[in-house]
N, C-alpha and C. Protein backbone atom coordinates (compact mmCIF):
# COMPACT_ATOMS: atom_id res chain seq x y z
N UNK A 1 103.42 -13.45 -31.89
CA UNK A 1 104.26 -12.82 -30.65
C UNK A 1 105.60 -13.12 -30.56
N UNK A 2 106.28 -11.94 -30.37
CA UNK A 2 107.45 -12.38 -29.78
C UNK A 2 108.07 -12.71 -28.45
N UNK A 3 108.34 -14.14 -28.30
CA UNK A 3 108.13 -14.50 -26.57
C UNK A 3 109.61 -14.38 -26.36
N UNK A 4 110.62 -14.73 -27.13
CA UNK A 4 111.98 -14.45 -26.73
C UNK A 4 112.61 -13.91 -27.63
N UNK A 5 113.95 -13.09 -27.51
CA UNK A 5 115.06 -12.87 -28.35
C UNK A 5 116.43 -13.28 -27.94
N UNK A 6 117.19 -14.01 -28.75
CA UNK A 6 118.29 -14.28 -28.50
C UNK A 6 119.57 -13.80 -29.57
N UNK A 7 120.53 -13.16 -28.97
CA UNK A 7 121.13 -12.32 -30.00
C UNK A 7 122.22 -11.48 -29.36
N UNK A 8 123.40 -10.74 -29.97
CA UNK A 8 124.25 -10.29 -29.45
C UNK A 8 123.94 -8.86 -28.83
N UNK A 9 124.41 -8.93 -27.39
CA UNK A 9 124.32 -7.82 -26.70
C UNK A 9 125.21 -6.63 -26.96
N UNK A 10 124.73 -5.78 -27.58
CA UNK A 10 125.15 -4.36 -28.21
C UNK A 10 125.67 -3.73 -26.95
N UNK A 11 124.49 -3.22 -26.35
CA UNK A 11 124.84 -2.07 -25.41
C UNK A 11 123.92 -2.34 -24.27
N UNK A 12 123.89 -1.98 -22.79
CA UNK A 12 122.99 -1.85 -21.79
C UNK A 12 122.76 -0.72 -20.84
N UNK A 13 121.82 -0.52 -20.48
CA UNK A 13 121.77 0.48 -19.20
C UNK A 13 120.84 -0.08 -18.20
N UNK A 14 120.66 0.49 -16.67
CA UNK A 14 119.66 -0.58 -15.86
C UNK A 14 118.35 -0.40 -16.50
N UNK A 15 117.97 -0.05 -17.52
CA UNK A 15 116.43 0.19 -17.98
C UNK A 15 116.20 -0.22 -19.25
N UNK A 16 117.51 -0.43 -20.02
CA UNK A 16 117.10 -0.98 -21.66
C UNK A 16 118.46 -1.84 -21.81
N UNK A 17 118.33 -2.69 -23.01
CA UNK A 17 119.23 -3.72 -23.45
C UNK A 17 119.13 -3.42 -24.94
N UNK A 18 120.15 -2.97 -25.78
CA UNK A 18 120.35 -3.32 -27.38
C UNK A 18 120.64 -4.64 -27.55
N UNK A 19 119.89 -5.50 -28.33
CA UNK A 19 120.11 -6.77 -28.89
C UNK A 19 119.86 -6.93 -30.20
N UNK A 20 121.32 -7.29 -31.14
CA UNK A 20 121.42 -7.38 -32.40
C UNK A 20 121.15 -8.84 -33.02
N UNK A 21 120.07 -8.91 -33.89
CA UNK A 21 119.91 -10.32 -34.24
C UNK A 21 119.35 -9.96 -35.69
N UNK A 22 119.79 -10.72 -36.61
CA UNK A 22 120.14 -10.95 -37.97
C UNK A 22 120.29 -9.48 -38.61
N UNK A 23 121.18 -8.64 -38.13
CA UNK A 23 121.64 -7.38 -38.68
C UNK A 23 120.67 -6.53 -38.23
N UNK A 24 119.48 -6.75 -37.11
CA UNK A 24 118.69 -5.68 -36.56
C UNK A 24 119.28 -5.54 -35.19
N UNK A 25 118.85 -4.29 -34.85
CA UNK A 25 119.21 -3.79 -33.56
C UNK A 25 117.95 -3.41 -32.71
N UNK A 26 117.61 -4.61 -31.74
CA UNK A 26 116.59 -4.64 -31.12
C UNK A 26 116.34 -3.70 -29.67
N UNK A 27 115.66 -2.62 -29.63
CA UNK A 27 115.90 -2.15 -28.24
C UNK A 27 114.69 -2.57 -27.13
N UNK A 28 115.27 -3.26 -25.99
CA UNK A 28 114.31 -3.91 -25.23
C UNK A 28 114.18 -3.11 -23.81
N UNK A 29 112.87 -2.94 -23.42
CA UNK A 29 113.30 -2.21 -22.13
C UNK A 29 112.88 -3.50 -21.19
N UNK A 30 113.95 -3.29 -20.03
CA UNK A 30 114.05 -4.16 -18.88
C UNK A 30 114.25 -3.70 -17.44
N UNK A 31 113.68 -4.49 -16.44
CA UNK A 31 113.70 -3.97 -15.21
C UNK A 31 115.31 -4.36 -14.67
N UNK A 32 115.82 -3.54 -13.44
CA UNK A 32 117.11 -3.40 -13.46
C UNK A 32 117.66 -4.92 -12.75
N UNK A 33 116.48 -5.82 -12.04
CA UNK A 33 116.86 -7.02 -11.77
C UNK A 33 117.29 -7.79 -12.90
N UNK A 34 116.86 -7.56 -14.33
CA UNK A 34 117.30 -8.31 -15.33
C UNK A 34 118.58 -7.61 -15.74
N UNK A 35 118.74 -6.52 -15.77
CA UNK A 35 119.70 -5.79 -16.18
C UNK A 35 121.52 -6.12 -15.06
N UNK A 36 121.08 -6.56 -13.94
CA UNK A 36 122.08 -7.03 -13.33
C UNK A 36 122.66 -8.24 -13.49
N UNK A 37 121.58 -9.10 -14.41
CA UNK A 37 122.34 -10.44 -14.58
C UNK A 37 122.71 -10.30 -16.05
N UNK A 38 122.81 -9.55 -16.88
CA UNK A 38 122.90 -9.43 -18.17
C UNK A 38 124.83 -9.56 -18.19
N UNK A 39 125.25 -10.30 -19.60
CA UNK A 39 126.51 -10.59 -19.71
C UNK A 39 127.27 -9.36 -19.86
N UNK A 40 128.63 -9.31 -20.54
CA UNK A 40 129.05 -8.16 -20.99
C UNK A 40 128.81 -7.88 -22.27
N UNK A 41 128.63 -6.51 -22.83
CA UNK A 41 128.43 -6.32 -24.22
C UNK A 41 129.32 -6.94 -24.69
N UNK A 42 128.74 -7.65 -26.08
CA UNK A 42 129.75 -8.35 -27.28
C UNK A 42 129.29 -9.95 -27.17
N UNK A 43 128.47 -10.24 -25.83
CA UNK A 43 128.15 -11.59 -25.42
C UNK A 43 126.82 -12.07 -26.08
N UNK A 44 126.51 -13.24 -26.40
CA UNK A 44 125.06 -13.43 -26.71
C UNK A 44 124.48 -13.65 -25.35
N UNK A 45 123.06 -13.06 -25.36
CA UNK A 45 122.09 -13.10 -24.48
C UNK A 45 120.59 -13.29 -24.81
N UNK A 46 120.04 -13.84 -24.03
CA UNK A 46 118.71 -14.24 -24.42
C UNK A 46 117.71 -13.70 -23.51
N UNK A 47 116.56 -13.00 -23.81
CA UNK A 47 115.70 -12.55 -23.07
C UNK A 47 113.95 -12.91 -23.18
N UNK A 48 113.74 -13.15 -22.52
CA UNK A 48 112.22 -13.64 -22.61
C UNK A 48 111.45 -12.32 -22.52
N UNK A 49 110.59 -12.53 -23.55
CA UNK A 49 110.08 -10.95 -24.16
C UNK A 49 108.43 -10.79 -24.09
N UNK A 50 107.93 -9.55 -24.10
CA UNK A 50 106.97 -9.32 -24.19
C UNK A 50 106.31 -8.01 -25.29
N UNK A 51 105.39 -7.95 -26.50
CA UNK A 51 105.50 -6.94 -27.30
C UNK A 51 104.23 -6.19 -26.64
N UNK A 52 104.38 -4.88 -26.12
CA UNK A 52 103.00 -3.88 -25.94
C UNK A 52 102.92 -3.24 -27.01
N UNK A 53 101.35 -3.15 -27.68
CA UNK A 53 101.11 -2.66 -28.98
C UNK A 53 100.33 -1.44 -28.58
N UNK A 54 100.68 -0.30 -29.19
CA UNK A 54 99.97 0.85 -29.00
C UNK A 54 99.47 1.16 -30.55
N UNK A 55 98.51 2.21 -30.58
CA UNK A 55 97.98 2.60 -31.87
C UNK A 55 99.05 3.45 -32.69
N UNK A 56 100.35 3.65 -32.05
CA UNK A 56 101.48 4.10 -32.74
C UNK A 56 102.83 3.76 -32.59
N UNK A 57 102.70 2.99 -31.59
CA UNK A 57 104.23 2.46 -31.21
C UNK A 57 104.03 0.61 -30.95
N UNK A 58 105.13 0.27 -30.74
CA UNK A 58 105.38 -1.30 -30.34
C UNK A 58 106.49 -1.07 -29.64
N UNK A 59 106.14 -1.75 -28.14
CA UNK A 59 107.38 -1.45 -27.37
C UNK A 59 107.82 -3.50 -26.58
N UNK A 60 109.20 -3.37 -26.59
CA UNK A 60 109.39 -4.77 -26.53
C UNK A 60 109.81 -4.48 -24.92
N UNK A 61 109.27 -5.55 -24.24
CA UNK A 61 109.72 -5.54 -22.80
C UNK A 61 110.48 -7.23 -22.77
N UNK A 62 111.71 -7.13 -21.66
CA UNK A 62 112.44 -8.58 -21.88
C UNK A 62 112.77 -8.74 -20.62
N UNK A 63 113.11 -9.88 -20.09
CA UNK A 63 112.90 -10.35 -18.83
C UNK A 63 113.96 -11.59 -18.63
N UNK A 64 114.62 -11.63 -17.47
CA UNK A 64 115.51 -13.30 -17.60
C UNK A 64 114.79 -14.34 -17.62
N UNK A 65 113.70 -14.13 -16.80
CA UNK A 65 113.10 -16.03 -17.02
C UNK A 65 111.70 -15.52 -17.54
N UNK A 66 111.08 -16.69 -17.80
CA UNK A 66 109.63 -16.56 -18.25
C UNK A 66 108.71 -16.28 -17.19
N UNK A 67 109.05 -16.74 -15.97
CA UNK A 67 108.29 -16.42 -14.82
C UNK A 67 108.24 -15.09 -14.58
N UNK A 68 109.45 -14.22 -14.73
CA UNK A 68 109.08 -12.91 -14.48
C UNK A 68 108.54 -12.02 -15.62
N UNK A 69 108.64 -12.52 -16.82
CA UNK A 69 107.88 -11.95 -18.15
C UNK A 69 106.25 -12.05 -17.70
N UNK A 70 106.16 -13.38 -17.08
CA UNK A 70 104.62 -13.73 -16.96
C UNK A 70 104.21 -12.91 -15.80
N UNK A 71 105.01 -12.69 -14.70
CA UNK A 71 104.29 -11.95 -13.69
C UNK A 71 104.18 -10.53 -14.18
N UNK A 72 105.03 -9.88 -14.97
CA UNK A 72 105.08 -8.71 -15.58
C UNK A 72 103.65 -8.50 -16.23
N UNK A 73 103.30 -9.21 -17.02
CA UNK A 73 102.01 -9.37 -18.01
C UNK A 73 100.79 -9.56 -16.83
N UNK A 74 100.82 -10.02 -15.97
CA UNK A 74 99.98 -10.54 -14.68
C UNK A 74 99.62 -9.22 -14.40
N UNK A 75 100.48 -8.31 -13.69
CA UNK A 75 100.30 -7.17 -13.43
C UNK A 75 99.51 -6.08 -14.36
N UNK A 76 100.10 -6.07 -15.42
CA UNK A 76 99.81 -4.68 -16.42
C UNK A 76 98.04 -5.45 -16.86
N UNK A 77 97.87 -6.68 -16.89
CA UNK A 77 96.18 -7.11 -17.33
C UNK A 77 95.48 -7.06 -16.08
N UNK A 78 95.85 -7.59 -14.93
CA UNK A 78 95.09 -7.55 -13.90
C UNK A 78 95.14 -6.63 -12.63
N UNK A 79 95.78 -5.57 -12.97
CA UNK A 79 95.72 -4.52 -11.51
C UNK A 79 95.52 -3.34 -12.08
N UNK A 80 94.41 -3.08 -11.63
CA UNK A 80 93.93 -1.45 -12.15
C UNK A 80 95.21 -0.32 -11.67
N UNK A 81 95.36 0.52 -12.67
CA UNK A 81 96.11 1.54 -12.50
C UNK A 81 97.56 1.15 -12.70
N UNK A 82 97.79 -0.04 -13.02
CA UNK A 82 99.08 -0.47 -13.23
C UNK A 82 99.36 -0.68 -14.71
N UNK A 83 100.60 0.05 -15.29
CA UNK A 83 100.53 -0.16 -16.67
C UNK A 83 102.17 -0.50 -17.07
N UNK A 84 102.58 -0.80 -17.90
CA UNK A 84 103.99 -1.37 -18.24
C UNK A 84 105.11 -0.61 -17.51
N UNK A 85 105.24 0.90 -17.45
CA UNK A 85 105.89 1.87 -17.00
C UNK A 85 106.49 1.55 -15.44
N UNK A 86 105.00 1.14 -14.67
CA UNK A 86 104.97 1.11 -13.43
C UNK A 86 105.34 -0.23 -12.96
N UNK A 87 104.85 -1.29 -13.87
CA UNK A 87 104.92 -2.55 -13.42
C UNK A 87 106.44 -2.69 -13.18
N UNK A 88 107.35 -1.94 -14.41
CA UNK A 88 108.91 -2.39 -14.72
C UNK A 88 109.40 -1.69 -13.64
N UNK A 89 108.93 -0.60 -12.90
CA UNK A 89 109.49 0.17 -11.80
C UNK A 89 109.36 -0.81 -10.55
N UNK A 90 107.92 -1.39 -10.45
CA UNK A 90 108.10 -2.67 -9.44
C UNK A 90 108.97 -3.58 -9.32
N UNK A 91 109.33 -4.17 -10.48
CA UNK A 91 110.27 -5.52 -10.68
C UNK A 91 111.76 -5.07 -10.81
N UNK A 92 111.79 -3.77 -11.03
CA UNK A 92 113.08 -3.23 -10.72
C UNK A 92 113.66 -2.80 -9.26
N UNK A 93 112.53 -2.89 -8.54
CA UNK A 93 112.92 -2.34 -6.92
C UNK A 93 112.88 -4.10 -6.37
N UNK A 94 111.84 -4.98 -6.58
CA UNK A 94 111.66 -6.21 -6.00
C UNK A 94 112.17 -7.37 -6.52
N UNK A 95 112.89 -8.29 -6.42
CA UNK A 95 113.10 -9.65 -7.13
C UNK A 95 111.78 -9.99 -7.05
N UNK A 96 111.40 -11.35 -7.93
CA UNK A 96 110.26 -12.03 -8.36
C UNK A 96 109.98 -12.60 -6.88
N UNK A 97 110.78 -13.43 -6.41
CA UNK A 97 110.57 -14.04 -4.95
C UNK A 97 109.73 -13.31 -3.89
N UNK A 98 110.68 -12.03 -3.82
CA UNK A 98 110.25 -11.15 -3.09
C UNK A 98 108.86 -10.55 -3.01
N UNK A 99 108.53 -10.16 -4.18
CA UNK A 99 107.32 -9.33 -4.86
C UNK A 99 106.20 -10.54 -4.57
N UNK A 100 106.52 -11.67 -5.24
CA UNK A 100 105.45 -12.53 -4.60
C UNK A 100 104.92 -13.13 -3.21
N UNK A 101 106.24 -12.99 -2.24
CA UNK A 101 106.21 -13.13 -0.93
C UNK A 101 105.36 -12.38 -0.23
N UNK A 102 105.73 -10.86 -0.86
CA UNK A 102 105.14 -9.99 -0.42
C UNK A 102 103.54 -9.84 -0.37
N UNK A 103 103.29 -10.08 -1.82
CA UNK A 103 101.84 -10.33 -1.91
C UNK A 103 101.12 -11.51 -1.36
N UNK A 104 101.50 -12.62 -1.38
CA UNK A 104 101.16 -13.62 -0.62
C UNK A 104 100.69 -13.31 1.10
N UNK A 105 101.57 -12.57 1.77
CA UNK A 105 101.44 -12.19 3.09
C UNK A 105 100.89 -11.06 3.05
N UNK A 106 100.45 -10.30 2.12
CA UNK A 106 99.65 -8.74 2.37
C UNK A 106 101.09 -7.82 2.85
N UNK A 107 101.99 -7.67 2.57
CA UNK A 107 103.10 -7.00 3.14
C UNK A 107 102.89 -5.76 2.28
N UNK A 108 101.97 -4.99 2.59
CA UNK A 108 101.62 -3.57 1.91
C UNK A 108 103.01 -2.86 1.84
N UNK A 109 103.59 -2.65 3.34
CA UNK A 109 105.13 -2.03 3.62
C UNK A 109 106.25 -2.05 2.20
N UNK A 110 106.29 -3.48 2.02
CA UNK A 110 107.32 -3.69 1.35
C UNK A 110 106.76 -3.14 -0.17
N UNK A 111 105.82 -3.24 -0.72
CA UNK A 111 105.32 -3.04 -2.11
C UNK A 111 105.55 -1.62 -2.33
N UNK A 112 104.99 -0.76 -0.99
CA UNK A 112 104.79 0.72 -1.07
C UNK A 112 106.14 1.32 -1.32
N UNK A 113 107.44 0.65 -1.02
CA UNK A 113 108.76 1.02 -1.26
C UNK A 113 108.84 1.38 -2.39
N UNK A 114 108.45 0.64 -3.56
CA UNK A 114 108.62 1.08 -5.12
C UNK A 114 108.51 2.49 -5.31
N UNK A 115 109.20 2.80 -6.19
CA UNK A 115 109.14 4.43 -6.02
C UNK A 115 107.91 4.52 -7.13
N UNK A 116 106.94 5.55 -6.59
CA UNK A 116 105.74 6.03 -7.27
C UNK A 116 104.56 4.87 -7.22
N UNK A 117 104.86 4.04 -6.12
CA UNK A 117 103.71 3.02 -5.64
C UNK A 117 103.28 3.21 -4.21
N UNK A 118 102.04 3.95 -4.11
CA UNK A 118 101.48 4.23 -2.75
C UNK A 118 100.80 3.31 -2.25
N UNK A 119 100.32 3.43 -1.03
CA UNK A 119 99.19 2.48 -0.36
C UNK A 119 98.47 2.10 -1.02
N UNK A 120 97.52 2.72 -1.77
CA UNK A 120 96.49 2.30 -2.41
C UNK A 120 97.18 1.08 -3.61
N UNK A 121 97.85 1.72 -4.23
CA UNK A 121 98.54 0.84 -5.57
C UNK A 121 98.91 -0.56 -4.69
N UNK A 122 99.79 -0.61 -3.87
CA UNK A 122 100.32 -1.39 -3.20
C UNK A 122 98.91 -2.41 -2.57
N UNK A 123 98.20 -2.13 -1.93
CA UNK A 123 96.84 -3.00 -1.59
C UNK A 123 96.05 -3.38 -2.73
N UNK A 124 95.89 -2.80 -4.04
CA UNK A 124 95.50 -3.31 -5.27
C UNK A 124 96.22 -4.42 -5.49
N UNK A 125 97.65 -4.32 -5.40
CA UNK A 125 98.54 -5.55 -5.95
C UNK A 125 98.25 -6.65 -5.08
N UNK A 126 97.90 -6.84 -3.61
CA UNK A 126 97.53 -8.01 -3.10
C UNK A 126 96.37 -8.37 -3.40
N UNK A 127 95.35 -7.13 -3.34
CA UNK A 127 93.98 -7.55 -3.40
C UNK A 127 93.84 -8.18 -4.72
N UNK A 128 94.27 -7.93 -5.81
CA UNK A 128 94.03 -8.30 -7.40
C UNK A 128 94.71 -9.61 -7.89
N UNK A 129 96.32 -9.92 -6.88
CA UNK A 129 97.17 -10.70 -7.34
C UNK A 129 97.19 -12.07 -6.33
N UNK A 130 96.70 -11.80 -5.03
CA UNK A 130 96.99 -12.94 -3.91
C UNK A 130 96.52 -14.46 -4.65
N UNK A 131 95.48 -14.33 -4.94
CA UNK A 131 94.61 -15.72 -5.53
C UNK A 131 95.32 -16.09 -6.68
N UNK A 132 95.98 -15.50 -7.85
CA UNK A 132 96.80 -15.77 -8.81
C UNK A 132 98.25 -16.19 -8.44
N UNK A 133 98.84 -15.51 -7.43
CA UNK A 133 100.30 -15.94 -7.09
C UNK A 133 100.11 -17.26 -6.41
N UNK A 134 99.05 -17.39 -5.66
CA UNK A 134 98.90 -18.80 -4.86
C UNK A 134 99.74 -19.20 -3.70
N UNK A 135 99.60 -20.24 -3.10
CA UNK A 135 100.23 -20.46 -1.80
C UNK A 135 101.76 -20.77 -1.95
N UNK A 136 102.20 -20.92 -2.86
CA UNK A 136 103.49 -21.20 -2.98
C UNK A 136 104.30 -20.19 -4.17
N UNK A 137 103.39 -19.85 -4.99
CA UNK A 137 103.99 -18.52 -6.10
C UNK A 137 104.61 -19.88 -7.30
N UNK A 138 104.99 -19.35 -8.33
CA UNK A 138 105.52 -19.90 -9.67
C UNK A 138 106.61 -20.70 -9.30
N UNK A 139 106.78 -22.02 -9.85
CA UNK A 139 107.79 -22.93 -9.51
C UNK A 139 109.38 -22.34 -10.08
N UNK A 140 109.27 -21.42 -10.93
CA UNK A 140 110.64 -21.12 -11.40
C UNK A 140 111.04 -19.99 -10.67
N UNK A 141 110.06 -18.87 -10.27
CA UNK A 141 110.43 -17.79 -9.19
C UNK A 141 111.14 -18.08 -8.09
N UNK A 142 110.39 -19.05 -6.93
CA UNK A 142 110.60 -19.40 -6.03
C UNK A 142 111.76 -20.58 -5.89
N UNK A 143 111.87 -20.91 -7.14
CA UNK A 143 113.19 -22.07 -6.97
C UNK A 143 114.01 -21.85 -8.26
N UNK A 144 114.34 -20.46 -8.05
CA UNK A 144 115.34 -19.94 -9.19
C UNK A 144 116.91 -20.76 -8.83
N UNK A 145 117.17 -21.38 -8.03
CA UNK A 145 118.49 -22.34 -7.99
C UNK A 145 118.21 -23.64 -8.56
N UNK A 146 117.27 -23.68 -9.21
CA UNK A 146 117.21 -24.94 -9.97
C UNK A 146 117.73 -25.12 -11.58
N UNK A 147 117.90 -23.77 -11.77
CA UNK A 147 118.96 -23.55 -12.98
C UNK A 147 118.95 -22.14 -13.21
N UNK A 148 119.80 -21.94 -13.84
CA UNK A 148 120.40 -20.60 -14.26
C UNK A 148 119.74 -20.22 -15.64
N UNK A 149 119.18 -19.16 -15.55
CA UNK A 149 118.70 -18.67 -16.97
C UNK A 149 119.81 -18.80 -18.18
N UNK A 150 119.58 -18.99 -19.04
CA UNK A 150 120.74 -19.36 -20.32
C UNK A 150 121.45 -17.76 -20.52
N UNK A 151 122.38 -17.70 -20.59
CA UNK A 151 123.31 -16.65 -20.75
C UNK A 151 123.05 -15.46 -19.20
N UNK A 152 122.91 -15.75 -18.55
CA UNK A 152 122.39 -15.07 -17.33
C UNK A 152 123.55 -15.59 -16.28
N UNK A 153 123.69 -14.28 -15.44
CA UNK A 153 124.60 -14.77 -14.38
C UNK A 153 123.58 -15.44 -13.13
N UNK A 154 124.53 -16.48 -12.35
CA UNK A 154 123.62 -17.18 -11.36
C UNK A 154 123.34 -16.06 -10.33
N UNK A 155 121.77 -16.51 -9.94
CA UNK A 155 121.21 -15.85 -8.50
C UNK A 155 121.57 -16.54 -7.36
N UNK A 156 121.57 -15.87 -6.26
CA UNK A 156 121.56 -16.67 -4.85
C UNK A 156 120.43 -17.17 -4.40
N UNK A 157 119.38 -16.71 -4.93
CA UNK A 157 118.26 -17.11 -4.28
C UNK A 157 117.65 -18.65 -4.36
N UNK A 158 117.82 -19.35 -3.89
CA UNK A 158 116.90 -20.76 -3.76
C UNK A 158 115.92 -21.37 -2.95
N UNK A 159 115.74 -22.41 -3.06
CA UNK A 159 114.77 -23.00 -2.13
C UNK A 159 114.91 -22.58 -0.71
N UNK A 160 116.00 -22.71 -0.14
CA UNK A 160 116.86 -22.58 1.39
C UNK A 160 116.28 -21.24 1.56
N UNK A 161 116.71 -20.46 0.90
CA UNK A 161 116.54 -18.97 1.14
C UNK A 161 114.96 -18.76 1.47
N UNK A 162 113.72 -18.98 0.14
CA UNK A 162 112.77 -19.14 0.23
C UNK A 162 111.82 -19.40 1.57
N UNK A 163 112.48 -20.60 1.77
CA UNK A 163 111.82 -21.22 2.94
C UNK A 163 112.15 -20.35 4.41
N UNK A 164 113.37 -20.12 4.36
CA UNK A 164 113.75 -19.44 5.63
C UNK A 164 113.24 -17.73 5.80
N UNK A 165 112.93 -17.22 4.44
CA UNK A 165 112.26 -15.79 4.76
C UNK A 165 110.50 -16.35 5.04
N UNK A 166 109.99 -17.56 4.47
CA UNK A 166 108.76 -17.89 4.57
C UNK A 166 108.63 -18.16 6.32
N UNK A 167 109.66 -18.47 6.92
CA UNK A 167 109.40 -19.08 8.17
C UNK A 167 109.51 -17.65 9.18
N UNK A 168 110.18 -16.95 8.77
CA UNK A 168 110.51 -15.45 9.40
C UNK A 168 109.30 -14.82 9.49
N UNK A 169 108.73 -14.99 7.87
CA UNK A 169 107.15 -14.26 8.00
C UNK A 169 106.50 -14.75 9.06
N UNK A 170 106.38 -15.92 9.54
CA UNK A 170 105.25 -16.70 10.47
C UNK A 170 105.68 -15.98 11.51
N UNK A 171 106.80 -15.64 11.89
CA UNK A 171 107.00 -15.08 13.29
C UNK A 171 107.10 -13.71 13.29
N UNK A 172 106.59 -13.37 12.15
CA UNK A 172 106.41 -11.79 12.52
C UNK A 172 107.27 -10.49 11.85
N UNK A 173 108.20 -11.24 10.99
CA UNK A 173 109.16 -10.55 10.40
C UNK A 173 108.74 -9.81 8.86
N UNK A 174 108.55 -8.59 8.68
CA UNK A 174 108.46 -7.91 7.23
C UNK A 174 109.00 -8.69 6.31
N UNK A 175 108.52 -8.82 5.06
CA UNK A 175 109.00 -9.54 3.80
C UNK A 175 110.75 -9.15 3.74
N UNK A 176 110.50 -7.76 3.47
CA UNK A 176 111.70 -7.09 3.33
C UNK A 176 112.98 -7.42 4.36
N UNK A 177 112.67 -7.29 5.47
CA UNK A 177 113.67 -7.33 6.63
C UNK A 177 114.11 -9.25 6.87
N UNK A 178 113.14 -9.92 6.31
CA UNK A 178 113.21 -11.41 6.80
C UNK A 178 114.17 -11.51 5.22
N UNK A 179 113.94 -10.98 4.24
CA UNK A 179 115.21 -11.29 3.15
C UNK A 179 116.30 -11.00 3.49
N UNK A 180 116.45 -9.66 4.04
CA UNK A 180 117.64 -9.11 4.34
C UNK A 180 118.37 -10.01 5.43
N UNK A 181 117.87 -10.26 6.49
CA UNK A 181 118.35 -11.07 7.65
C UNK A 181 118.75 -12.67 6.94
N UNK A 182 118.15 -13.30 6.11
CA UNK A 182 118.54 -14.70 5.67
C UNK A 182 119.89 -14.07 4.75
N UNK A 183 119.64 -13.15 3.79
CA UNK A 183 120.85 -13.26 2.92
C UNK A 183 122.10 -13.06 4.01
N UNK A 184 121.84 -11.90 5.02
CA UNK A 184 123.07 -11.85 5.80
C UNK A 184 123.82 -13.37 6.62
N UNK A 185 122.56 -14.03 6.86
CA UNK A 185 123.03 -15.35 7.20
C UNK A 185 123.94 -16.21 6.14
N UNK A 186 123.29 -16.00 4.84
CA UNK A 186 123.85 -16.87 4.29
C UNK A 186 125.03 -16.75 3.95
N UNK A 187 125.37 -15.30 3.70
CA UNK A 187 126.93 -14.72 3.51
C UNK A 187 127.91 -15.11 4.88
N UNK A 188 127.45 -15.37 6.05
CA UNK A 188 128.03 -15.97 7.24
C UNK A 188 128.23 -17.08 6.93
N UNK A 189 127.49 -17.99 6.64
CA UNK A 189 127.47 -19.43 7.01
C UNK A 189 128.15 -20.15 5.72
N UNK A 190 127.61 -19.51 4.48
CA UNK A 190 128.27 -20.07 3.21
C UNK A 190 127.33 -20.74 2.53
N UNK A 191 127.50 -21.16 1.37
CA UNK A 191 126.48 -21.82 0.47
C UNK A 191 125.70 -22.89 0.89
N UNK A 192 126.35 -23.73 1.38
CA UNK A 192 126.13 -24.98 2.19
C UNK A 192 125.08 -25.00 3.42
N UNK A 193 124.73 -23.75 3.72
CA UNK A 193 123.94 -23.79 4.93
C UNK A 193 122.66 -24.33 4.69
N UNK A 194 121.98 -25.03 5.61
CA UNK A 194 120.71 -25.65 5.42
C UNK A 194 119.71 -24.61 5.92
N UNK A 195 118.43 -24.93 5.60
CA UNK A 195 117.32 -23.95 6.06
C UNK A 195 117.18 -23.69 7.70
N UNK A 196 117.50 -24.76 8.17
CA UNK A 196 117.44 -24.31 9.72
C UNK A 196 118.57 -23.61 10.32
N UNK A 197 119.78 -23.84 9.73
CA UNK A 197 120.76 -22.99 10.23
C UNK A 197 120.56 -21.44 9.51
N UNK A 198 120.06 -21.28 8.51
CA UNK A 198 120.07 -19.82 8.20
C UNK A 198 118.84 -19.34 8.88
N UNK A 199 117.88 -20.22 9.39
CA UNK A 199 116.60 -19.43 10.10
C UNK A 199 117.62 -19.03 11.84
N UNK A 200 118.28 -19.90 12.38
CA UNK A 200 119.19 -19.56 13.56
C UNK A 200 119.73 -18.57 13.37
N UNK A 201 120.48 -18.59 12.40
CA UNK A 201 121.53 -17.28 12.23
C UNK A 201 120.73 -15.85 12.13
N UNK A 202 119.73 -16.09 11.07
CA UNK A 202 118.81 -14.77 10.72
C UNK A 202 118.19 -14.09 12.28
N UNK A 203 117.79 -15.35 12.84
CA UNK A 203 116.98 -14.84 14.37
C UNK A 203 118.11 -14.34 15.27
N UNK A 204 119.37 -14.65 15.19
CA UNK A 204 120.44 -14.10 15.87
C UNK A 204 120.95 -12.65 15.61
N UNK A 205 120.80 -12.22 14.07
CA UNK A 205 121.26 -11.25 13.55
C UNK A 205 120.69 -10.03 13.72
């Protein structure tokens, strides 16, 4: 099984990347959230991959982190009616920390905002994945600031953002609204802001 690929990034679109390795060009399907972190064409890139085998085809999917790849696999293997295309759509719309948070708290409205994802599918995501996501989510996804994926741009999310978003959730904020408010607070206060400062600023926004 191909679990990762590292090579020259030849070209990229919001949903595809062409990676050249040992003279071969590999087409990799990626979510928008991964495309946003890709380096410029001509640079070396590493993607964490999953191959989907069909009777007449093999399709390669790639992600910025192993946690994103594993969550993609979790959706297509455990959620009824969610195939690779729909799972990629979901991960293109929502970052992994936001997606896991929405599932943990049962935020159907946020999940249903994904194109092609109705209320029933959103409910299935919560029902079938909540126990697997767990109380705190995967260590890599919620602690994205602990390390930047190799050859990727740094993500602004870190444990302070996660904790602030979760705190707002306990106060009745929807996950998407809490995430937006906390990110606005971070922009206003700067990268050294504490969790408490982020919460106070977000509540006042």
